[in-house]
Protein backbone atom coordinates (compact mmCIF):
# COMPACT_ATOMS: atom_id res chain seq x y z
CA UNK A 1 5.44 -23.41 5.89
CA UNK A 2 4.74 -24.65 2.37
CA UNK A 3 7.52 -22.41 1.10
CA UNK A 4 9.99 -23.89 3.57
CA UNK A 5 9.01 -27.43 2.60
CA UNK A 6 9.41 -26.58 -1.07
CA UNK A 7 12.81 -25.06 -0.38
CA UNK A 8 13.95 -28.14 1.52
CA UNK A 9 12.68 -30.41 -1.26
CA UNK A 10 14.49 -28.38 -3.90
CA UNK A 11 17.66 -28.39 -1.84
CA UNK A 12 17.56 -32.17 -1.54
CA UNK A 13 17.61 -32.39 -5.33
CA UNK A 14 20.64 -30.12 -5.78
CA UNK A 15 23.82 -31.75 -7.15
CA UNK A 16 26.04 -32.80 -4.24
CA UNK A 17 28.47 -35.38 -5.67
CA UNK A 18 32.04 -34.66 -6.69
CA UNK A 19 33.32 -36.35 -9.83
CA UNK A 20 35.10 -38.97 -7.68
CA UNK A 21 31.91 -39.68 -5.72
CA UNK A 22 29.88 -39.90 -8.94
CA UNK A 23 32.37 -42.36 -10.41
CA UNK A 24 32.23 -44.53 -7.27
CA UNK A 25 28.42 -44.51 -7.17
CA UNK A 26 28.15 -45.31 -10.90
CA UNK A 27 30.87 -47.96 -10.89
CA UNK A 28 32.94 -46.25 -13.60
CA UNK A 29 36.21 -44.34 -13.66
CA UNK A 30 36.63 -40.59 -13.49
CA UNK A 31 38.30 -40.80 -16.88
CA UNK A 32 35.14 -42.40 -18.31
CA UNK A 33 32.99 -39.61 -16.92
CA UNK A 34 35.21 -36.95 -18.43
CA UNK A 35 35.21 -38.79 -21.77
CA UNK A 36 31.40 -38.99 -21.81
CA UNK A 37 31.27 -35.29 -20.96
CA UNK A 38 33.50 -34.33 -23.86
CA UNK A 39 31.22 -36.33 -26.19
CA UNK A 40 28.18 -34.46 -24.88
CA UNK A 41 26.66 -37.57 -23.35
CA UNK A 42 26.59 -36.01 -19.89
CA UNK A 43 25.46 -32.48 -19.05
CA UNK A 44 28.08 -30.29 -17.38
CA UNK A 45 28.25 -30.25 -13.59
CA UNK A 46 27.06 -27.39 -11.43
CA UNK A 47 30.11 -25.34 -10.42
CA UNK A 48 30.10 -24.81 -6.66
CA UNK A 49 32.43 -23.14 -4.18
CA UNK A 50 36.14 -23.33 -4.95
CA UNK A 51 35.21 -24.09 -8.58
CA UNK A 52 34.40 -27.70 -7.71
CA UNK A 53 31.97 -29.39 -10.10
CA UNK A 54 28.97 -31.02 -8.42
CA UNK A 55 26.88 -33.80 -9.94
CA UNK A 56 23.40 -35.03 -9.06
CA UNK A 57 20.90 -37.82 -9.56
CA UNK A 58 20.35 -36.85 -13.21
CA UNK A 59 24.02 -37.49 -13.98
CA UNK A 60 23.94 -40.79 -12.11
CA UNK A 61 20.83 -41.99 -13.97
CA UNK A 62 22.21 -40.89 -17.34
CA UNK A 63 25.47 -42.73 -16.67
CA UNK A 64 23.53 -45.90 -15.84
CA UNK A 65 21.54 -45.56 -19.09
CA UNK A 66 24.72 -45.07 -21.15
CA UNK A 67 26.32 -48.13 -19.57
CA UNK A 68 23.22 -50.22 -20.25
CA UNK A 69 23.07 -49.13 -23.90
CA UNK A 70 26.73 -50.08 -24.28
CA UNK A 71 25.96 -53.43 -22.68
CA UNK A 72 23.34 -53.91 -25.40
CA UNK A 73 26.08 -53.50 -28.01
CA UNK A 74 25.34 -49.95 -29.16
CA UNK A 75 28.27 -47.84 -30.34
CA UNK A 76 28.95 -44.42 -28.84
CA UNK A 77 27.67 -42.80 -32.03
CA UNK A 78 24.41 -44.76 -31.74
CA UNK A 79 24.14 -43.84 -28.06
CA UNK A 80 24.60 -40.18 -28.94
CA UNK A 81 21.72 -40.41 -31.43
CA UNK A 82 19.59 -42.26 -28.87
CA UNK A 83 20.15 -39.63 -26.17
CA UNK A 84 19.59 -36.76 -28.60
CA UNK A 85 16.08 -38.07 -29.27
CA UNK A 86 15.15 -38.06 -25.58
CA UNK A 87 13.25 -35.03 -24.22
CA UNK A 88 15.79 -32.60 -22.71
CA UNK A 89 13.83 -32.21 -19.45
CA UNK A 90 13.77 -35.88 -18.43
CA UNK A 91 14.16 -36.32 -14.69
CA UNK A 92 16.44 -38.84 -13.01
CA UNK A 93 13.35 -40.99 -12.44
CA UNK A 94 12.45 -40.89 -16.15
CA UNK A 95 16.00 -41.84 -17.11
CA UNK A 96 15.89 -44.73 -14.65
CA UNK A 97 12.73 -46.00 -16.31
CA UNK A 98 14.42 -45.82 -19.73
CA UNK A 99 17.37 -47.76 -18.37
CA UNK A 100 15.18 -50.41 -16.75
CA UNK A 101 13.27 -50.96 -19.98
CA UNK A 102 16.43 -51.18 -22.05
CA UNK A 103 17.82 -53.70 -19.56
CA UNK A 104 14.83 -55.97 -20.05
CA UNK A 105 16.09 -56.77 -23.58
CA UNK A 106 19.32 -58.23 -22.21
CA UNK A 107 19.68 -61.96 -21.54
CA UNK A 108 19.07 -63.11 -17.97
CA UNK A 109 21.75 -61.26 -16.03
CA UNK A 110 20.68 -61.98 -12.45
CA UNK A 111 23.53 -61.90 -9.96
CA UNK A 112 23.98 -63.48 -6.54
CA UNK A 113 24.20 -61.01 -3.67
CA UNK A 114 24.35 -61.18 0.11
CA UNK A 115 22.31 -58.79 2.24
CA UNK A 116 25.41 -56.64 2.81
CA UNK A 117 26.17 -56.54 -0.93
CA UNK A 118 22.55 -55.72 -1.70
CA UNK A 119 22.54 -52.78 0.71
CA UNK A 120 25.90 -51.55 -0.57
CA UNK A 121 24.64 -51.49 -4.14
CA UNK A 122 21.33 -49.94 -3.07
CA UNK A 123 23.20 -47.21 -1.20
CA UNK A 124 21.02 -47.55 1.91
CA UNK A 125 20.01 -49.87 4.74
CA UNK A 126 17.06 -52.05 3.71
CA UNK A 127 14.37 -53.23 6.09
CA UNK A 128 12.59 -56.55 5.71
CA UNK A 129 9.64 -54.68 4.21
CA UNK A 130 11.96 -52.97 1.72
CA UNK A 131 13.29 -56.35 0.57
CA UNK A 132 9.75 -57.69 0.20
CA UNK A 133 8.78 -54.64 -1.90
CA UNK A 134 11.83 -55.09 -4.13
CA UNK A 135 10.89 -58.74 -4.58
CA UNK A 136 7.34 -57.72 -5.52
CA UNK A 137 8.76 -55.41 -8.18
CA UNK A 138 10.88 -58.21 -9.64
CA UNK A 139 14.14 -56.55 -8.62
CA UNK A 140 15.29 -59.54 -6.60
CA UNK A 141 14.31 -63.02 -5.50
CA UNK A 142 15.23 -64.94 -2.38
CA UNK A 143 17.92 -67.55 -3.00
CA UNK A 144 18.06 -70.95 -1.31
CA UNK A 145 20.49 -69.77 1.37
CA UNK A 146 19.14 -67.38 4.03
CA UNK A 147 20.37 -63.82 3.52
CA UNK A 148 21.22 -64.43 -0.15
CA UNK A 149 19.37 -63.07 -3.17
CA UNK A 150 19.21 -63.29 -6.94
CA UNK A 151 19.44 -59.66 -8.00
CA UNK A 152 18.57 -57.96 -11.30
CA UNK A 153 21.13 -55.12 -11.38
CA UNK A 154 19.34 -53.39 -14.24
CA UNK A 155 16.26 -52.78 -12.09
CA UNK A 156 17.87 -52.11 -8.73
CA UNK A 157 18.27 -48.33 -8.92
CA UNK A 158 14.70 -47.77 -10.07
CA UNK A 159 13.37 -50.20 -7.47
CA UNK A 160 15.21 -48.43 -4.67
CA UNK A 161 13.80 -45.08 -5.77
CA UNK A 162 10.30 -46.53 -5.70
CA UNK A 163 10.74 -47.67 -2.10
CA UNK A 164 10.05 -44.09 -0.98
CA UNK A 165 6.80 -43.91 -2.94
CA UNK A 166 3.81 -44.52 -0.60
CA UNK A 167 2.35 -47.51 -2.44
CA UNK A 168 1.06 -50.61 -0.65
CA UNK A 169 2.72 -53.97 -1.25
CA UNK A 170 -0.52 -55.36 -2.72
CA UNK A 171 -0.77 -52.43 -5.12
CA UNK A 172 2.76 -53.11 -6.40
CA UNK A 173 1.86 -56.74 -7.06
CA UNK A 174 -1.34 -55.74 -8.87
CA UNK A 175 0.50 -53.10 -10.96
CA UNK A 176 3.18 -55.62 -11.89
CA UNK A 177 0.52 -58.08 -13.05
CA UNK A 178 -1.08 -55.42 -15.26
CA UNK A 179 2.26 -54.38 -16.75
CA UNK A 180 3.38 -57.95 -17.45
CA UNK A 181 0.09 -58.80 -19.11
CA UNK A 182 0.10 -55.82 -21.46
CA UNK A 183 3.82 -55.79 -22.23
CA UNK A 184 3.70 -59.47 -23.16
CA UNK A 185 0.79 -58.70 -25.47
CA UNK A 186 2.69 -55.80 -27.07
CA UNK A 187 5.84 -57.91 -27.43
CA UNK A 188 3.85 -60.71 -29.05
CA UNK A 189 2.21 -58.38 -31.58
CA UNK A 190 5.47 -56.59 -32.40
CA UNK A 191 7.27 -59.92 -32.88
CA UNK A 192 4.48 -61.14 -35.15
CA UNK A 193 4.62 -57.92 -37.17
CA UNK A 194 8.40 -58.13 -37.56
CA UNK A 195 8.20 -61.81 -38.54
CA UNK A 196 5.39 -61.40 -41.07
CA UNK A 197 6.37 -58.07 -42.62
CA UNK A 198 10.17 -58.11 -42.41
CA UNK A 199 11.71 -61.47 -41.67
CA UNK A 200 9.57 -63.78 -43.83
CA UNK A 201 9.94 -61.64 -46.99
CA UNK A 202 13.69 -61.47 -46.31
CA UNK A 203 13.98 -65.27 -46.08
CA UNK A 204 11.99 -65.70 -49.28
CA UNK A 205 14.11 -63.25 -51.28
CA UNK A 206 17.27 -64.01 -53.21
CA UNK A 207 20.52 -63.70 -51.19
CA UNK A 208 21.88 -60.18 -51.41
CA UNK A 209 24.99 -59.11 -49.44
CA UNK A 210 23.70 -55.57 -48.98
CA UNK A 211 20.32 -56.81 -47.76
CA UNK A 212 22.00 -59.26 -45.38
CA UNK A 213 24.05 -56.41 -43.91
CA UNK A 214 20.94 -54.25 -43.61
CA UNK A 215 19.07 -57.02 -41.77
CA UNK A 216 21.96 -57.53 -39.35
CA UNK A 217 22.05 -53.81 -38.64
CA UNK A 218 18.28 -53.73 -38.11
CA UNK A 219 18.41 -56.68 -35.73
CA UNK A 220 21.17 -55.06 -33.68
CA UNK A 221 19.35 -51.76 -33.25
CA UNK A 222 15.70 -52.82 -33.28
CA UNK A 223 15.40 -53.59 -29.58
CA UNK A 224 16.61 -50.20 -28.23
CA UNK A 225 14.52 -48.43 -30.89
CA UNK A 226 11.39 -50.35 -29.88
CA UNK A 227 12.09 -49.74 -26.19
CA UNK A 228 12.35 -46.00 -26.79
CA UNK A 229 9.11 -45.99 -28.78
CA UNK A 230 7.31 -48.00 -26.10
CA UNK A 231 8.46 -45.89 -23.18
CA UNK A 232 7.64 -42.64 -24.98
CA UNK A 233 4.16 -43.85 -25.93
CA UNK A 234 3.56 -45.18 -22.43
CA UNK A 235 4.65 -41.97 -20.73
CA UNK A 236 2.37 -39.88 -22.93
CA UNK A 237 -0.58 -42.23 -22.42
CA UNK A 238 -0.02 -42.36 -18.66
CA UNK A 239 0.11 -38.58 -18.38
CA UNK A 240 -3.15 -38.31 -20.31
CA UNK A 241 -4.84 -40.96 -18.16
CA UNK A 242 -3.66 -39.40 -14.91
CA UNK A 243 -4.70 -35.94 -16.05
CA UNK A 244 -8.18 -37.25 -16.89
CA UNK A 245 -8.46 -39.23 -13.66
CA UNK A 246 -7.43 -36.44 -11.29
CA UNK A 247 -8.85 -33.37 -13.02
CA UNK A 248 -11.94 -32.05 -11.31
CA UNK A 249 -15.07 -31.84 -13.40
């Protein structure tokens, strides 16, 4: 029985999307997908019957991350370097976390959405409890008009995935409080460090065109670099904590 369950679980993770379906789900063109593939930004599809390429959740999550990095102003070359530094075995869930964290550096990009639009973008029917859980995760907020929401598109895909995780509404709220408290503290300390050790000495120095260019380049790439460092450190720390908490003896 366990074997059958494992087989069904594995099957549910197999790539099932054609390139056209992947493009529609990701909100990009087929031409864009093929271009990213030729640049090595997307892994090749699984070749199924009739030599048809099939794509899965990993491709969808990686596409979302690439689009978010471009939204942050990174060039394709910079995105290539960013992706090369990621562990090769990252799951779709891990990639979604990376994308959500990168999106938090963007200016407020909340969008208005009706219930129908919300469900279309989520790719599933949402119950009232689902909407409440998404609100608790900060994915959306209720607008003034009934049935309308302020939606954070950068967090939607990850939030929808977490709907299937058996976590109580109260636990989500408590976890969000913990994360906000500690991430604000980390952001404050990192900002102070950058100001005291990098920015202040720069302002006090004599104008230098090369140094000005270097500072502009650093400012443009610092946020994604810090996000990657934070998420990597957090993932390692969380694995260690969970291993210690759930290891017998």
